[in-house]
Amino acid sequence: MAKVTKEQYEFALSRIEELLPQVDDETPATDRRSVELSVMSDLVIAYEKEHFPIEKPTVAELIELSLEEKGMTQRQLASELGVSPSRVNDYVAGRSEPTLKIARQICRVLGIQPTAMLGL
């Protein structure tokens, strides 16, 4: 796909706003509005991938977010891992990264995908 300009991106966004109320699950994929909506969406996605890339979360952010999702405290995680609360705080603050053994336990306890912990 050719490089999308800011003007094309803004046009596509406004066109999507106009088309969304006109297209639903019952609209045939061959309907001109469905086709246009798909093309406009592809333009927006291409522009946003280039200009607003999503960074992968750090190990510290992963642990912090997962603790929040699970409703766990750092102290509870430390107890589960058999390490000191200050050690878990170092992980969350980004002052140190867990060893591979501890990282594996963190993934198990918090339900984090190991590939995410490895930054893949």
PDB file of N, CA and C in Angstrom:
ATOM      1  N   MET A   1       0.853  -1.178   0.000  1.00  0.00           N
ATOM      2  CA  MET A   1       0.000   0.000   0.000  1.00  0.00           C
ATOM      3  C   MET A   1       0.898   1.241   0.000  1.00  0.00           C
ATOM      4  N   ALA A   2       0.513   2.233  -0.787  1.00  0.00           N
ATOM      5  CA  ALA A   2       1.268   3.485  -0.852  1.00  0.00           C
ATOM      6  C   ALA A   2       1.177   4.210   0.488  1.00  0.00           C
ATOM      7  N   LYS A   3       2.143   5.094   0.713  1.00  0.00           N
ATOM      8  CA  LYS A   3       2.174   5.852   1.955  1.00  0.00           C
ATOM      9  C   LYS A   3       0.911   6.715   2.060  1.00  0.00           C
ATOM     10  N   VAL A   4       0.267   6.684   3.205  1.00  0.00           N
ATOM     11  CA  VAL A   4      -0.974   7.419   3.435  1.00  0.00           C
ATOM     12  C   VAL A   4      -0.620   8.782   4.026  1.00  0.00           C
ATOM     13  N   THR A   5      -1.173   9.837   3.429  1.00  0.00           N
ATOM     14  CA  THR A   5      -0.905  11.185   3.941  1.00  0.00           C
ATOM     15  C   THR A   5      -1.847  11.494   5.100  1.00  0.00           C
ATOM     16  N   LYS A   6      -1.499  12.541   5.837  1.00  0.00           N
ATOM     17  CA  LYS A   6      -2.336  12.964   6.969  1.00  0.00           C
ATOM     18  C   LYS A   6      -3.730  13.356   6.459  1.00  0.00           C
ATOM     19  N   GLU A   7      -3.777  14.026   5.310  1.00  0.00           N
ATOM     20  CA  GLU A   7      -5.056  14.453   4.736  1.00  0.00           C
ATOM     21  C   GLU A   7      -5.917  13.245   4.370  1.00  0.00           C
ATOM     22  N   GLN A   8      -5.292  12.228   3.763  1.00  0.00           N
ATOM     23  CA  GLN A   8      -6.039  11.017   3.411  1.00  0.00           C
ATOM     24  C   GLN A   8      -6.545  10.314   4.679  1.00  0.00           C
ATOM     25  N   TYR A   9      -5.696  10.294   5.689  1.00  0.00           N
ATOM     26  CA  TYR A   9      -6.059   9.680   6.959  1.00  0.00           C
ATOM     27  C   TYR A   9      -7.276  10.384   7.561  1.00  0.00           C
ATOM     28  N   GLU A  10      -7.224  11.712   7.610  1.00  0.00           N
ATOM     29  CA  GLU A  10      -8.338  12.474   8.182  1.00  0.00           C
ATOM     30  C   GLU A  10      -9.614  12.308   7.361  1.00  0.00           C
ATOM     31  N   PHE A  11      -9.472  12.273   6.036  1.00  0.00           N
ATOM     32  CA  PHE A  11     -10.635  12.044   5.176  1.00  0.00           C
ATOM     33  C   PHE A  11     -11.226  10.663   5.467  1.00  0.00           C
ATOM     34  N   ALA A  12     -10.347   9.656   5.559  1.00  0.00           N
ATOM     35  CA  ALA A  12     -10.815   8.290   5.807  1.00  0.00           C
ATOM     36  C   ALA A  12     -11.547   8.200   7.143  1.00  0.00           C
ATOM     37  N   LEU A  13     -11.013   8.860   8.182  1.00  0.00           N
ATOM     38  CA  LEU A  13     -11.680   8.862   9.485  1.00  0.00           C
ATOM     39  C   LEU A  13     -13.089   9.453   9.384  1.00  0.00           C
ATOM     40  N   SER A  14     -13.213  10.582   8.715  1.00  0.00           N
ATOM     41  CA  SER A  14     -14.535  11.213   8.620  1.00  0.00           C
ATOM     42  C   SER A  14     -15.481  10.369   7.769  1.00  0.00           C
ATOM     43  N   ARG A  15     -14.941   9.746   6.725  1.00  0.00           N
ATOM     44  CA  ARG A  15     -15.775   8.895   5.866  1.00  0.00           C
ATOM     45  C   ARG A  15     -16.255   7.661   6.628  1.00  0.00           C
ATOM     46  N   ILE A  16     -15.400   7.105   7.482  1.00  0.00           N
ATOM     47  CA  ILE A  16     -15.780   5.957   8.302  1.00  0.00           C
ATOM     48  C   ILE A  16     -16.946   6.349   9.214  1.00  0.00           C
ATOM     49  N   GLU A  17     -16.863   7.536   9.820  1.00  0.00           N
ATOM     50  CA  GLU A  17     -17.946   8.023  10.685  1.00  0.00           C
ATOM     51  C   GLU A  17     -19.268   8.098   9.923  1.00  0.00           C
ATOM     52  N   GLU A  18     -19.214   8.498   8.650  1.00  0.00           N
ATOM     53  CA  GLU A  18     -20.431   8.584   7.829  1.00  0.00           C
ATOM     54  C   GLU A  18     -20.950   7.205   7.443  1.00  0.00           C
ATOM     55  N   LEU A  19     -20.026   6.280   7.170  1.00  0.00           N
ATOM     56  CA  LEU A  19     -20.413   4.953   6.685  1.00  0.00           C
ATOM     57  C   LEU A  19     -20.877   3.994   7.783  1.00  0.00           C
ATOM     58  N   LEU A  20     -20.324   4.118   8.973  1.00  0.00           N
ATOM     59  CA  LEU A  20     -20.652   3.163  10.042  1.00  0.00           C
ATOM     60  C   LEU A  20     -22.144   2.996  10.300  1.00  0.00           C
ATOM     61  N   PRO A  21     -22.919   4.092  10.374  1.00  0.00           N
ATOM     62  CA  PRO A  21     -24.354   3.893  10.616  1.00  0.00           C
ATOM     63  C   PRO A  21     -25.086   3.218   9.440  1.00  0.00           C
ATOM     64  N   GLN A  22     -24.466   3.221   8.265  1.00  0.00           N
ATOM     65  CA  GLN A  22     -25.114   2.677   7.074  1.00  0.00           C
ATOM     66  C   GLN A  22     -24.794   1.204   6.821  1.00  0.00           C
ATOM     67  N   VAL A  23     -23.785   0.683   7.518  1.00  0.00           N
ATOM     68  CA  VAL A  23     -23.329  -0.692   7.281  1.00  0.00           C
ATOM     69  C   VAL A  23     -23.463  -1.494   8.577  1.00  0.00           C
ATOM     70  N   ASP A  24     -24.091  -2.665   8.469  1.00  0.00           N
ATOM     71  CA  ASP A  24     -24.178  -3.550   9.631  1.00  0.00           C
ATOM     72  C   ASP A  24     -23.905  -4.985   9.181  1.00  0.00           C
ATOM     73  N   ASP A  25     -24.114  -5.937  10.060  1.00  0.00           N
ATOM     74  CA  ASP A  25     -23.819  -7.334   9.750  1.00  0.00           C
ATOM     75  C   ASP A  25     -24.671  -7.884   8.603  1.00  0.00           C
ATOM     76  N   GLU A  26     -25.799  -7.243   8.360  1.00  0.00           N
ATOM     77  CA  GLU A  26     -26.702  -7.704   7.283  1.00  0.00           C
ATOM     78  C   GLU A  26     -26.308  -7.140   5.915  1.00  0.00           C
ATOM     79  N   THR A  27     -25.462  -6.122   5.887  1.00  0.00           N
ATOM     80  CA  THR A  27     -25.056  -5.496   4.622  1.00  0.00           C
ATOM     81  C   THR A  27     -24.124  -6.452   3.877  1.00  0.00           C
ATOM     82  N   PRO A  28     -24.440  -6.755   2.619  1.00  0.00           N
ATOM     83  CA  PRO A  28     -23.575  -7.671   1.850  1.00  0.00           C
ATOM     84  C   PRO A  28     -22.150  -7.107   1.726  1.00  0.00           C
ATOM     85  N   ALA A  29     -21.156  -7.991   1.720  1.00  0.00           N
ATOM     86  CA  ALA A  29     -19.753  -7.570   1.598  1.00  0.00           C
ATOM     87  C   ALA A  29     -19.491  -6.902   0.258  1.00  0.00           C
ATOM     88  N   THR A  30     -20.361  -7.179  -0.733  1.00  0.00           N
ATOM     89  CA  THR A  30     -20.184  -6.582  -2.056  1.00  0.00           C
ATOM     90  C   THR A  30     -20.872  -5.219  -2.194  1.00  0.00           C
ATOM     91  N   ASP A  31     -21.633  -4.818  -1.199  1.00  0.00           N
ATOM     92  CA  ASP A  31     -22.295  -3.505  -1.203  1.00  0.00           C
ATOM     93  C   ASP A  31     -21.213  -2.426  -1.262  1.00  0.00           C
ATOM     94  N   ARG A  32     -21.418  -1.385  -2.076  1.00  0.00           N
ATOM     95  CA  ARG A  32     -20.387  -0.350  -2.255  1.00  0.00           C
ATOM     96  C   ARG A  32     -20.006   0.319  -0.939  1.00  0.00           C
ATOM     97  N   ARG A  33     -20.978   0.442  -0.014  1.00  0.00           N
ATOM     98  CA  ARG A  33     -20.664   1.056   1.291  1.00  0.00           C
ATOM     99  C   ARG A  33     -19.769   0.144   2.125  1.00  0.00           C
ATOM    100  N   SER A  34     -20.016  -1.165   2.066  1.00  0.00           N
ATOM    101  CA  SER A  34     -19.163  -2.130   2.780  1.00  0.00           C
ATOM    102  C   SER A  34     -17.748  -2.115   2.216  1.00  0.00           C
ATOM    103  N   VAL A  35     -17.649  -2.082   0.895  1.00  0.00           N
ATOM    104  CA  VAL A  35     -16.343  -2.062   0.243  1.00  0.00           C
ATOM    105  C   VAL A  35     -15.597  -0.779   0.613  1.00  0.00           C
ATOM    106  N   GLU A  36     -16.294   0.356   0.543  1.00  0.00           N
ATOM    107  CA  GLU A  36     -15.656   1.630   0.878  1.00  0.00           C
ATOM    108  C   GLU A  36     -15.235   1.659   2.345  1.00  0.00           C
ATOM    109  N   LEU A  37     -16.080   1.151   3.223  1.00  0.00           N
ATOM    110  CA  LEU A  37     -15.742   1.119   4.644  1.00  0.00           C
ATOM    111  C   LEU A  37     -14.476   0.283   4.874  1.00  0.00           C
ATOM    112  N   SER A  38     -14.376  -0.829   4.180  1.00  0.00           N
ATOM    113  CA  SER A  38     -13.202  -1.692   4.299  1.00  0.00           C
ATOM    114  C   SER A  38     -11.938  -0.972   3.806  1.00  0.00           C
ATOM    115  N   VAL A  39     -12.036  -0.295   2.676  1.00  0.00           N
ATOM    116  CA  VAL A  39     -10.888   0.434   2.114  1.00  0.00           C
ATOM    117  C   VAL A  39     -10.477   1.577   3.049  1.00  0.00           C
ATOM    118  N   MET A  40     -11.454   2.324   3.537  1.00  0.00           N
ATOM    119  CA  MET A  40     -11.152   3.441   4.451  1.00  0.00           C
ATOM    120  C   MET A  40     -10.507   2.926   5.739  1.00  0.00           C
ATOM    121  N   SER A  41     -11.001   1.793   6.238  1.00  0.00           N
ATOM    122  CA  SER A  41     -10.436   1.204   7.448  1.00  0.00           C
ATOM    123  C   SER A  41      -8.982   0.792   7.220  1.00  0.00           C
ATOM    124  N   ASP A  42      -8.705   0.217   6.053  1.00  0.00           N
ATOM    125  CA  ASP A  42      -7.329  -0.184   5.730  1.00  0.00           C
ATOM    126  C   ASP A  42      -6.402   1.022   5.686  1.00  0.00           C
ATOM    127  N   LEU A  43      -6.895   2.147   5.137  1.00  0.00           N
ATOM    128  CA  LEU A  43      -6.087   3.381   5.101  1.00  0.00           C
ATOM    129  C   LEU A  43      -5.762   3.852   6.511  1.00  0.00           C
ATOM    130  N   VAL A  44      -6.769   3.861   7.374  1.00  0.00           N
ATOM    131  CA  VAL A  44      -6.580   4.311   8.760  1.00  0.00           C
ATOM    132  C   VAL A  44      -5.588   3.399   9.470  1.00  0.00           C
ATOM    133  N   ILE A  45      -5.728   2.099   9.310  1.00  0.00           N
ATOM    134  CA  ILE A  45      -4.829   1.143   9.956  1.00  0.00           C
ATOM    135  C   ILE A  45      -3.394   1.352   9.479  1.00  0.00           C
ATOM    136  N   ALA A  46      -3.209   1.518   8.175  1.00  0.00           N
ATOM    137  CA  ALA A  46      -1.863   1.716   7.621  1.00  0.00           C
ATOM    138  C   ALA A  46      -1.223   2.985   8.182  1.00  0.00           C
ATOM    139  N   TYR A  47      -1.988   4.062   8.243  1.00  0.00           N
ATOM    140  CA  TYR A  47      -1.469   5.329   8.766  1.00  0.00           C
ATOM    141  C   TYR A  47      -1.119   5.206  10.245  1.00  0.00           C
ATOM    142  N   GLU A  48      -2.021   4.608  11.025  1.00  0.00           N
ATOM    143  CA  GLU A  48      -1.801   4.506  12.468  1.00  0.00           C
ATOM    144  C   GLU A  48      -0.648   3.568  12.811  1.00  0.00           C
ATOM    145  N   LYS A  49      -0.445   2.498  12.021  1.00  0.00           N
ATOM    146  CA  LYS A  49       0.692   1.603  12.260  1.00  0.00           C
ATOM    147  C   LYS A  49       2.002   2.356  12.119  1.00  0.00           C
ATOM    148  N   GLU A  50       2.049   3.251  11.137  1.00  0.00           N
ATOM    149  CA  GLU A  50       3.269   4.005  10.877  1.00  0.00           C
ATOM    150  C   GLU A  50       3.457   5.141  11.884  1.00  0.00           C
ATOM    151  N   HIS A  51       2.395   5.868  12.190  1.00  0.00           N
ATOM    152  CA  HIS A  51       2.515   7.084  12.998  1.00  0.00           C
ATOM    153  C   HIS A  51       2.231   6.906  14.483  1.00  0.00           C
ATOM    154  N   PHE A  52       1.530   5.844  14.856  1.00  0.00           N
ATOM    155  CA  PHE A  52       1.199   5.613  16.262  1.00  0.00           C
ATOM    156  C   PHE A  52       1.487   4.162  16.643  1.00  0.00           C
ATOM    157  N   PRO A  53       2.742   3.720  16.472  1.00  0.00           N
ATOM    158  CA  PRO A  53       3.024   2.312  16.791  1.00  0.00           C
ATOM    159  C   PRO A  53       2.818   2.042  18.277  1.00  0.00           C
ATOM    160  N   ILE A  54       2.355   0.850  18.574  1.00  0.00           N
ATOM    161  CA  ILE A  54       2.125   0.455  19.967  1.00  0.00           C
ATOM    162  C   ILE A  54       3.386  -0.239  20.468  1.00  0.00           C
ATOM    163  N   GLU A  55       3.960   0.313  21.512  1.00  0.00           N
ATOM    164  CA  GLU A  55       5.153  -0.274  22.108  1.00  0.00           C
ATOM    165  C   GLU A  55       4.757  -1.498  22.932  1.00  0.00           C
ATOM    166  N   LYS A  56       5.633  -2.483  22.941  1.00  0.00           N
ATOM    167  CA  LYS A  56       5.395  -3.650  23.793  1.00  0.00           C
ATOM    168  C   LYS A  56       5.639  -3.229  25.237  1.00  0.00           C
ATOM    169  N   PRO A  57       4.825  -3.718  26.165  1.00  0.00           N
ATOM    170  CA  PRO A  57       5.018  -3.339  27.572  1.00  0.00           C
ATOM    171  C   PRO A  57       6.332  -3.913  28.113  1.00  0.00           C
ATOM    172  N   THR A  58       6.923  -3.197  29.043  1.00  0.00           N
ATOM    173  CA  THR A  58       8.129  -3.694  29.706  1.00  0.00           C
ATOM    174  C   THR A  58       7.739  -4.790  30.690  1.00  0.00           C
ATOM    175  N   VAL A  59       8.739  -5.511  31.188  1.00  0.00           N
ATOM    176  CA  VAL A  59       8.484  -6.543  32.201  1.00  0.00           C
ATOM    177  C   VAL A  59       7.815  -5.899  33.410  1.00  0.00           C
ATOM    178  N   ALA A  60       8.321  -4.728  33.817  1.00  0.00           N
ATOM    179  CA  ALA A  60       7.755  -4.020  34.969  1.00  0.00           C
ATOM    180  C   ALA A  60       6.271  -3.695  34.734  1.00  0.00           C
ATOM    181  N   GLU A  61       5.942  -3.175  33.540  1.00  0.00           N
ATOM    182  CA  GLU A  61       4.550  -2.828  33.225  1.00  0.00           C
ATOM    183  C   GLU A  61       3.666  -4.077  33.192  1.00  0.00           C
ATOM    184  N   LEU A  62       4.192  -5.163  32.637  1.00  0.00           N
ATOM    185  CA  LEU A  62       3.430  -6.419  32.591  1.00  0.00           C
ATOM    186  C   LEU A  62       3.067  -6.896  33.991  1.00  0.00           C
ATOM    187  N   ILE A  63       4.044  -6.865  34.871  1.00  0.00           N
ATOM    188  CA  ILE A  63       3.802  -7.331  36.241  1.00  0.00           C
ATOM    189  C   ILE A  63       2.797  -6.416  36.928  1.00  0.00           C
ATOM    190  N   GLU A  64       3.007  -5.106  36.787  1.00  0.00           N
ATOM    191  CA  GLU A  64       2.108  -4.149  37.440  1.00  0.00           C
ATOM    192  C   GLU A  64       0.675  -4.294  36.937  1.00  0.00           C
ATOM    193  N   LEU A  65       0.500  -4.367  35.620  1.00  0.00           N
ATOM    194  CA  LEU A  65      -0.844  -4.507  35.042  1.00  0.00           C
ATOM    195  C   LEU A  65      -1.496  -5.823  35.473  1.00  0.00           C
ATOM    196  N   SER A  66      -0.714  -6.881  35.490  1.00  0.00           N
ATOM    197  CA  SER A  66      -1.258  -8.190  35.865  1.00  0.00           C
ATOM    198  C   SER A  66      -1.652  -8.235  37.335  1.00  0.00           C
ATOM    199  N   LEU A  67      -0.872  -7.573  38.182  1.00  0.00           N
ATOM    200  CA  LEU A  67      -1.237  -7.488  39.600  1.00  0.00           C
ATOM    201  C   LEU A  67      -2.588  -6.792  39.749  1.00  0.00           C
ATOM    202  N   GLU A  68      -2.758  -5.677  39.021  1.00  0.00           N
ATOM    203  CA  GLU A  68      -4.033  -4.935  39.071  1.00  0.00           C
ATOM    204  C   GLU A  68      -5.183  -5.808  38.598  1.00  0.00           C
ATOM    205  N   GLU A  69      -4.985  -6.497  37.463  1.00  0.00           N
ATOM    206  CA  GLU A  69      -6.040  -7.347  36.910  1.00  0.00           C
ATOM    207  C   GLU A  69      -6.443  -8.449  37.876  1.00  0.00           C
ATOM    208  N   LYS A  70      -5.468  -9.020  38.568  1.00  0.00           N
ATOM    209  CA  LYS A  70      -5.736 -10.115  39.506  1.00  0.00           C
ATOM    210  C   LYS A  70      -6.188  -9.607  40.871  1.00  0.00           C
ATOM    211  N   GLY A  71      -6.037  -8.292  41.106  1.00  0.00           N
ATOM    212  CA  GLY A  71      -6.382  -7.739  42.404  1.00  0.00           C
ATOM    213  C   GLY A  71      -5.416  -8.196  43.486  1.00  0.00           C
ATOM    214  N   MET A  72      -4.172  -8.434  43.088  1.00  0.00           N
ATOM    215  CA  MET A  72      -3.150  -8.902  44.030  1.00  0.00           C
ATOM    216  C   MET A  72      -2.247  -7.744  44.434  1.00  0.00           C
ATOM    217  N   THR A  73      -1.699  -7.859  45.637  1.00  0.00           N
ATOM    218  CA  THR A  73      -0.711  -6.879  46.079  1.00  0.00           C
ATOM    219  C   THR A  73       0.685  -7.412  45.764  1.00  0.00           C
ATOM    220  N   GLN A  74       1.647  -6.506  45.797  1.00  0.00           N
ATOM    221  CA  GLN A  74       3.034  -6.925  45.603  1.00  0.00           C
ATOM    222  C   GLN A  74       3.440  -7.897  46.711  1.00  0.00           C
ATOM    223  N   ARG A  75       2.946  -7.654  47.906  1.00  0.00           N
ATOM    224  CA  ARG A  75       3.261  -8.520  49.052  1.00  0.00           C
ATOM    225  C   ARG A  75       2.731  -9.940  48.801  1.00  0.00           C
ATOM    226  N   GLN A  76       1.507 -10.047  48.271  1.00  0.00           N
ATOM    227  CA  GLN A  76       0.936 -11.372  47.976  1.00  0.00           C
ATOM    228  C   GLN A  76       1.757 -12.095  46.912  1.00  0.00           C
ATOM    229  N   LEU A  77       2.170 -11.340  45.867  1.00  0.00           N
ATOM    230  CA  LEU A  77       2.979 -11.951  44.815  1.00  0.00           C
ATOM    231  C   LEU A  77       4.307 -12.425  45.395  1.00  0.00           C
ATOM    232  N   ALA A  78       4.920 -11.603  46.245  1.00  0.00           N
ATOM    233  CA  ALA A  78       6.192 -11.977  46.874  1.00  0.00           C
ATOM    234  C   ALA A  78       6.041 -13.284  47.647  1.00  0.00           C
ATOM    235  N   SER A  79       4.939 -13.405  48.375  1.00  0.00           N
ATOM    236  CA  SER A  79       4.683 -14.619  49.151  1.00  0.00           C
ATOM    237  C   SER A  79       4.558 -15.836  48.234  1.00  0.00           C
ATOM    238  N   GLU A  80       3.820 -15.669  47.127  1.00  0.00           N
ATOM    239  CA  GLU A  80       3.647 -16.768  46.151  1.00  0.00           C
ATOM    240  C   GLU A  80       4.986 -17.188  45.533  1.00  0.00           C
ATOM    241  N   LEU A  81       5.872 -16.201  45.327  1.00  0.00           N
ATOM    242  CA  LEU A  81       7.147 -16.470  44.660  1.00  0.00           C
ATOM    243  C   LEU A  81       8.247 -16.910  45.620  1.00  0.00           C
ATOM    244  N   GLY A  82       8.019 -16.649  46.921  1.00  0.00           N
ATOM    245  CA  GLY A  82       9.043 -16.977  47.901  1.00  0.00           C
ATOM    246  C   GLY A  82      10.205 -15.989  47.873  1.00  0.00           C
ATOM    247  N   VAL A  83       9.887 -14.730  47.532  1.00  0.00           N
ATOM    248  CA  VAL A  83      10.908 -13.668  47.545  1.00  0.00           C
ATOM    249  C   VAL A  83      10.409 -12.540  48.443  1.00  0.00           C
ATOM    250  N   SER A  84      11.276 -11.582  48.734  1.00  0.00           N
ATOM    251  CA  SER A  84      10.886 -10.474  49.605  1.00  0.00           C
ATOM    252  C   SER A  84       9.993  -9.486  48.855  1.00  0.00           C
ATOM    253  N   PRO A  85       9.113  -8.787  49.578  1.00  0.00           N
ATOM    254  CA  PRO A  85       8.281  -7.763  48.951  1.00  0.00           C
ATOM    255  C   PRO A  85       9.135  -6.683  48.274  1.00  0.00           C
ATOM    256  N   SER A  86      10.293  -6.372  48.846  1.00  0.00           N
ATOM    257  CA  SER A  86      11.139  -5.345  48.227  1.00  0.00           C
ATOM    258  C   SER A  86      11.680  -5.821  46.878  1.00  0.00           C
ATOM    259  N   ARG A  87      11.896  -7.127  46.744  1.00  0.00           N
ATOM    260  CA  ARG A  87      12.357  -7.681  45.464  1.00  0.00           C
ATOM    261  C   ARG A  87      11.257  -7.504  44.408  1.00  0.00           C
ATOM    262  N   VAL A  88      10.014  -7.812  44.762  1.00  0.00           N
ATOM    263  CA  VAL A  88       8.894  -7.632  43.824  1.00  0.00           C
ATOM    264  C   VAL A  88       8.762  -6.147  43.482  1.00  0.00           C
ATOM    265  N   ASN A  89       8.928  -5.281  44.471  1.00  0.00           N
ATOM    266  CA  ASN A  89       8.861  -3.851  44.212  1.00  0.00           C
ATOM    267  C   ASN A  89       9.945  -3.422  43.224  1.00  0.00           C
ATOM    268  N   ASP A  90      11.129  -4.018  43.320  1.00  0.00           N
ATOM    269  CA  ASP A  90      12.204  -3.729  42.354  1.00  0.00           C
ATOM    270  C   ASP A  90      11.783  -4.129  40.942  1.00  0.00           C
ATOM    271  N   TYR A  91      11.082  -5.263  40.813  1.00  0.00           N
ATOM    272  CA  TYR A  91      10.599  -5.702  39.490  1.00  0.00           C
ATOM    273  C   TYR A  91       9.573  -4.715  38.944  1.00  0.00           C
ATOM    274  N   VAL A  92       8.612  -4.326  39.780  1.00  0.00           N
ATOM    275  CA  VAL A  92       7.530  -3.426  39.359  1.00  0.00           C
ATOM    276  C   VAL A  92       8.069  -2.039  39.025  1.00  0.00           C
ATOM    277  N   ALA A  93       9.065  -1.593  39.780  1.00  0.00           N
ATOM    278  CA  ALA A  93       9.647  -0.272  39.543  1.00  0.00           C
ATOM    279  C   ALA A  93      10.645  -0.276  38.384  1.00  0.00           C
ATOM    280  N   GLY A  94      10.983  -1.466  37.887  1.00  0.00           N
ATOM    281  CA  GLY A  94      11.925  -1.553  36.781  1.00  0.00           C
ATOM    282  C   GLY A  94      13.380  -1.424  37.214  1.00  0.00           C
ATOM    283  N   ARG A  95      13.641  -1.517  38.526  1.00  0.00           N
ATOM    284  CA  ARG A  95      15.021  -1.415  39.026  1.00  0.00           C
ATOM    285  C   ARG A  95      15.811  -2.696  38.758  1.00  0.00           C
ATOM    286  N   SER A  96      15.089  -3.822  38.664  1.00  0.00           N
ATOM    287  CA  SER A  96      15.746  -5.084  38.321  1.00  0.00           C
ATOM    288  C   SER A  96      14.739  -5.975  37.608  1.00  0.00           C
ATOM    289  N   GLU A  97      15.262  -6.956  36.882  1.00  0.00           N
ATOM    290  CA  GLU A  97      14.400  -7.912  36.191  1.00  0.00           C
ATOM    291  C   GLU A  97      14.532  -9.266  36.864  1.00  0.00           C
ATOM    292  N   PRO A  98      13.442 -10.027  36.883  1.00  0.00           N
ATOM    293  CA  PRO A  98      13.480 -11.339  37.536  1.00  0.00           C
ATOM    294  C   PRO A  98      14.391 -12.312  36.784  1.00  0.00           C
ATOM    295  N   THR A  99      14.920 -13.269  37.524  1.00  0.00           N
ATOM    296  CA  THR A  99      15.671 -14.354  36.882  1.00  0.00           C
ATOM    297  C   THR A  99      14.689 -15.164  36.042  1.00  0.00           C
ATOM    298  N   LEU A 100      15.217 -16.011  35.192  1.00  0.00           N
ATOM    299  CA  LEU A 100      14.356 -16.837  34.343  1.00  0.00           C
ATOM    300  C   LEU A 100      13.432 -17.712  35.194  1.00  0.00           C
ATOM    301  N   LYS A 101      13.969 -18.265  36.273  1.00  0.00           N
ATOM    302  CA  LYS A 101      13.170 -19.122  37.162  1.00  0.00           C
ATOM    303  C   LYS A 101      12.020 -18.324  37.790  1.00  0.00           C
ATOM    304  N   ILE A 102      12.324 -17.137  38.302  1.00  0.00           N
ATOM    305  CA  ILE A 102      11.291 -16.293  38.922  1.00  0.00           C
ATOM    306  C   ILE A 102      10.317 -15.795  37.855  1.00  0.00           C
ATOM    307  N   ALA A 103      10.819 -15.444  36.685  1.00  0.00           N
ATOM    308  CA  ALA A 103       9.942 -14.976  35.598  1.00  0.00           C
ATOM    309  C   ALA A 103       8.925 -16.051  35.241  1.00  0.00           C
ATOM    310  N   ARG A 104       9.377 -17.304  35.212  1.00  0.00           N
ATOM    311  CA  ARG A 104       8.475 -18.429  34.912  1.00  0.00           C
ATOM    312  C   ARG A 104       7.382 -18.511  35.983  1.00  0.00           C
ATOM    313  N   GLN A 105       7.766 -18.347  37.244  1.00  0.00           N
ATOM    314  CA  GLN A 105       6.782 -18.389  38.339  1.00  0.00           C
ATOM    315  C   GLN A 105       5.803 -17.214  38.239  1.00  0.00           C
ATOM    316  N   ILE A 106       6.326 -16.032  37.899  1.00  0.00           N
ATOM    317  CA  ILE A 106       5.464 -14.851  37.754  1.00  0.00           C
ATOM    318  C   ILE A 106       4.425 -15.113  36.666  1.00  0.00           C
ATOM    319  N   CYS A 107       4.871 -15.669  35.560  1.00  0.00           N
ATOM    320  CA  CYS A 107       3.941 -15.988  34.464  1.00  0.00           C
ATOM    321  C   CYS A 107       2.845 -16.936  34.939  1.00  0.00           C
ATOM    322  N   ARG A 108       3.230 -17.947  35.702  1.00  0.00           N
ATOM    323  CA  ARG A 108       2.262 -18.937  36.197  1.00  0.00           C
ATOM    324  C   ARG A 108       1.282 -18.288  37.170  1.00  0.00           C
ATOM    325  N   VAL A 109       1.804 -17.535  38.135  1.00  0.00           N
ATOM    326  CA  VAL A 109       0.959 -16.943  39.179  1.00  0.00           C
ATOM    327  C   VAL A 109       0.032 -15.870  38.606  1.00  0.00           C
ATOM    328  N   LEU A 110       0.561 -15.035  37.715  1.00  0.00           N
ATOM    329  CA  LEU A 110      -0.231 -13.907  37.211  1.00  0.00           C
ATOM    330  C   LEU A 110      -0.931 -14.194  35.876  1.00  0.00           C
ATOM    331  N   GLY A 111      -0.665 -15.376  35.303  1.00  0.00           N
ATOM    332  CA  GLY A 111      -1.317 -15.710  34.037  1.00  0.00           C
ATOM    333  C   GLY A 111      -0.782 -14.904  32.859  1.00  0.00           C
ATOM    334  N   ILE A 112       0.498 -14.576  32.899  1.00  0.00           N
ATOM    335  CA  ILE A 112       1.140 -13.824  31.817  1.00  0.00           C
ATOM    336  C   ILE A 112       1.695 -14.820  30.806  1.00  0.00           C
ATOM    337  N   GLN A 113       1.509 -14.562  29.519  1.00  0.00           N
ATOM    338  CA  GLN A 113       2.084 -15.418  28.493  1.00  0.00           C
ATOM    339  C   GLN A 113       3.612 -15.275  28.537  1.00  0.00           C
ATOM    340  N   PRO A 114       4.337 -16.386  28.583  1.00  0.00           N
ATOM    341  CA  PRO A 114       5.802 -16.298  28.619  1.00  0.00           C
ATOM    342  C   PRO A 114       6.392 -15.484  27.461  1.00  0.00           C
ATOM    343  N   THR A 115       5.771 -15.563  26.279  1.00  0.00           N
ATOM    344  CA  THR A 115       6.272 -14.782  25.149  1.00  0.00           C
ATOM    345  C   THR A 115       6.176 -13.290  25.417  1.00  0.00           C
ATOM    346  N   ALA A 116       5.150 -12.861  26.141  1.00  0.00           N
ATOM    347  CA  ALA A 116       5.008 -11.451  26.486  1.00  0.00           C
ATOM    348  C   ALA A 116       6.104 -11.035  27.469  1.00  0.00           C
ATOM    349  N   MET A 117       6.399 -11.913  28.412  1.00  0.00           N
ATOM    350  CA  MET A 117       7.438 -11.621  29.405  1.00  0.00           C
ATOM    351  C   MET A 117       8.801 -11.503  28.721  1.00  0.00           C
ATOM    352  N   LEU A 118       8.990 -12.279  27.639  1.00  0.00           N
ATOM    353  CA  LEU A 118      10.257 -12.234  26.905  1.00  0.00           C
ATOM    354  C   LEU A 118      10.285 -11.110  25.881  1.00  0.00           C
ATOM    355  N   GLY A 119       9.175 -10.376  25.761  1.00  0.00           N
ATOM    356  CA  GLY A 119       9.129  -9.258  24.827  1.00  0.00           C
ATOM    357  C   GLY A 119       8.924  -9.667  23.384  1.00  0.00           C
ATOM    358  N   LEU A 120       8.355 -10.855  23.176  1.00  0.00           N
ATOM    359  CA  LEU A 120       8.121 -11.338  21.793  1.00  0.00           C
ATOM    360  C   LEU A 120       6.731 -10.993  21.321  1.00  0.00           C
TER     361      LEU A 120
END
